[in-house]
Amino acid sequence: MLLVEKSLALQETVQQIGFDSVEDFALVKAKEKLLNEIAICTTNIEKFEKKYNFDYAEFCLRFQQLQYPLFEKEKTVLN
């Protein structure tokens, strides 16, 4: 299949599923993916906040007060 044929097939497919253009489809799918990633990050942040009993603002404040950087790798199981 030539590139032009592939492009036309893609355009027809996205129109058949209700989008005006490939660009509209790509924008919707990119937004869905970004919102999903934000939801995953938000869930992970909430787990850490609950585990350590303070929020991100408090973490930043405490981190800035350290005399020297202290890093430990957090053992997590991501779903």
Foldseek 3Di string as FASTA:
>chain_A
DDPVVVLVVQQVVVVVVPDNGPVRVVVVVVVVVVVVVVVQVVVVQVVVCVVVVHHPVVVVVVQVPDPDHDDDDDDDDRD
